[in-house]
């Protein structure tokens, strides 16, 4: 597996972890000053979603969005919602990951 792909996957695993935390506690901190670590997690999540939103090809963006951002998203949800075969999904997902990783790296 290519190094950039491994790095991107690790980055997105971290996003999933942070996203879960941020989503659970965001309501607890409304109107109060959030701890610095929570603010950092929110910024990390915003960087990921902003980069996904910046992907030019809508199918690629939707694959990552449906897999990573939507509640209960996963690979199956992503390819079924777009009506793709698993093979098509993996080809488009790799393209999406490459563009997303370039965007994240550029604005890092």
Protein backbone atom coordinates (compact mmCIF):
# COMPACT_ATOMS: atom_id res chain seq x y z
CA UNK A 1 0.00 0.00 0.00
CA UNK A 2 1.32 3.43 -0.90
CA UNK A 3 2.60 5.58 1.96
CA UNK A 4 0.31 8.53 1.21
CA UNK A 5 -2.69 6.19 1.37
CA UNK A 6 -1.62 4.75 4.70
CA UNK A 7 -1.08 8.26 6.08
CA UNK A 8 -4.47 9.42 4.80
CA UNK A 9 -6.23 6.40 6.30
CA UNK A 10 -4.58 7.04 9.67
CA UNK A 11 -5.61 10.71 9.51
CA UNK A 12 -9.21 9.69 8.81
CA UNK A 13 -9.21 7.12 11.63
CA UNK A 14 -8.17 9.92 13.95
CA UNK A 15 -11.00 12.04 12.52
CA UNK A 16 -13.57 9.32 13.24
CA UNK A 17 -12.33 9.11 16.82
CA UNK A 18 -12.39 12.89 17.34
CA UNK A 19 -15.71 13.28 15.55
CA UNK A 20 -17.30 10.79 17.93
CA UNK A 21 -16.04 12.72 20.94
CA UNK A 22 -16.93 16.14 19.58
CA UNK A 23 -20.45 15.05 18.61
CA UNK A 24 -21.10 13.60 22.07
CA UNK A 25 -19.95 16.58 24.11
CA UNK A 26 -20.73 19.55 21.88
CA UNK A 27 -24.08 20.21 23.57
CA UNK A 28 -22.53 20.01 27.04
CA UNK A 29 -20.31 23.00 26.28
CA UNK A 30 -22.81 25.39 24.68
CA UNK A 31 -22.32 28.82 26.21
CA UNK A 32 -19.32 27.69 28.24
CA UNK A 33 -15.68 27.92 27.38
CA UNK A 34 -14.59 24.62 25.90
CA UNK A 35 -11.40 22.95 27.04
CA UNK A 36 -8.48 23.58 24.69
CA UNK A 37 -8.20 19.91 23.69
CA UNK A 38 -11.86 19.83 22.65
CA UNK A 39 -11.34 23.00 20.59
CA UNK A 40 -8.38 21.33 18.86
CA UNK A 41 -10.49 18.27 18.07
CA UNK A 42 -13.21 20.48 16.59
CA UNK A 43 -10.68 22.26 14.37
CA UNK A 44 -9.27 18.92 13.23
CA UNK A 45 -12.77 17.76 12.28
CA UNK A 46 -13.49 21.02 10.48
CA UNK A 47 -10.30 20.66 8.42
CA UNK A 48 -11.35 17.17 7.35
CA UNK A 49 -14.89 18.15 6.39
CA UNK A 50 -13.77 21.37 4.67
CA UNK A 51 -11.33 19.38 2.54
CA UNK A 52 -14.08 16.87 1.67
CA UNK A 53 -16.34 19.77 0.69
CA UNK A 54 -13.55 21.14 -1.53
CA UNK A 55 -13.23 17.97 -3.62
CA UNK A 56 -14.23 18.94 -7.15
CA UNK A 57 -15.82 15.64 -8.18
CA UNK A 58 -19.15 15.36 -6.37
CA UNK A 59 -19.16 11.54 -6.45
CA UNK A 60 -15.76 11.46 -4.79
CA UNK A 61 -16.85 13.96 -2.15
CA UNK A 62 -20.05 12.02 -1.49
CA UNK A 63 -18.18 8.75 -1.06
CA UNK A 64 -16.04 10.22 1.71
CA UNK A 65 -18.95 12.15 3.20
CA UNK A 66 -21.24 9.09 3.29
CA UNK A 67 -18.52 6.88 4.70
CA UNK A 68 -17.04 9.24 7.27
CA UNK A 69 -19.22 12.24 8.08
CA UNK A 70 -22.86 11.14 8.14
CA UNK A 71 -24.17 9.44 11.24
CA UNK A 72 -23.76 5.66 10.96
CA UNK A 73 -21.84 6.08 7.71
CA UNK A 74 -19.60 3.32 6.42
CA UNK A 75 -18.30 1.88 3.16
CA UNK A 76 -21.49 -0.03 2.43
CA UNK A 77 -23.64 3.06 2.95
CA UNK A 78 -21.30 5.03 0.70
CA UNK A 79 -21.42 2.70 -2.29
CA UNK A 80 -25.09 1.80 -1.95
CA UNK A 81 -26.24 5.43 -1.81
CA UNK A 82 -24.32 6.15 -5.00
CA UNK A 83 -25.44 2.93 -6.72
CA UNK A 84 -21.88 1.71 -7.21
CA UNK A 85 -20.47 -1.78 -7.32
CA UNK A 86 -17.77 -2.53 -4.78
CA UNK A 87 -15.15 -2.39 -7.53
CA UNK A 88 -16.34 1.01 -8.74
CA UNK A 89 -16.48 2.21 -5.16
CA UNK A 90 -12.86 1.28 -4.42
CA UNK A 91 -11.57 2.93 -7.60
CA UNK A 92 -13.46 6.17 -6.94
CA UNK A 93 -12.65 6.09 -3.22
CA UNK A 94 -8.93 5.90 -3.91
CA UNK A 95 -9.21 8.88 -6.25
CA UNK A 96 -11.21 10.73 -3.60
CA UNK A 97 -8.65 9.89 -0.92
CA UNK A 98 -5.83 11.14 -3.13
CA UNK A 99 -7.51 14.48 -3.82
CA UNK A 100 -8.60 14.85 -0.19
CA UNK A 101 -5.07 14.09 1.03
CA UNK A 102 -3.61 16.68 -1.35
CA UNK A 103 -6.06 19.28 -0.05
CA UNK A 104 -5.31 18.46 3.59
CA UNK A 105 -1.56 18.49 2.95
CA UNK A 106 -1.69 21.77 1.06
CA UNK A 107 -3.66 23.59 3.75
CA UNK A 108 -2.00 21.71 6.59
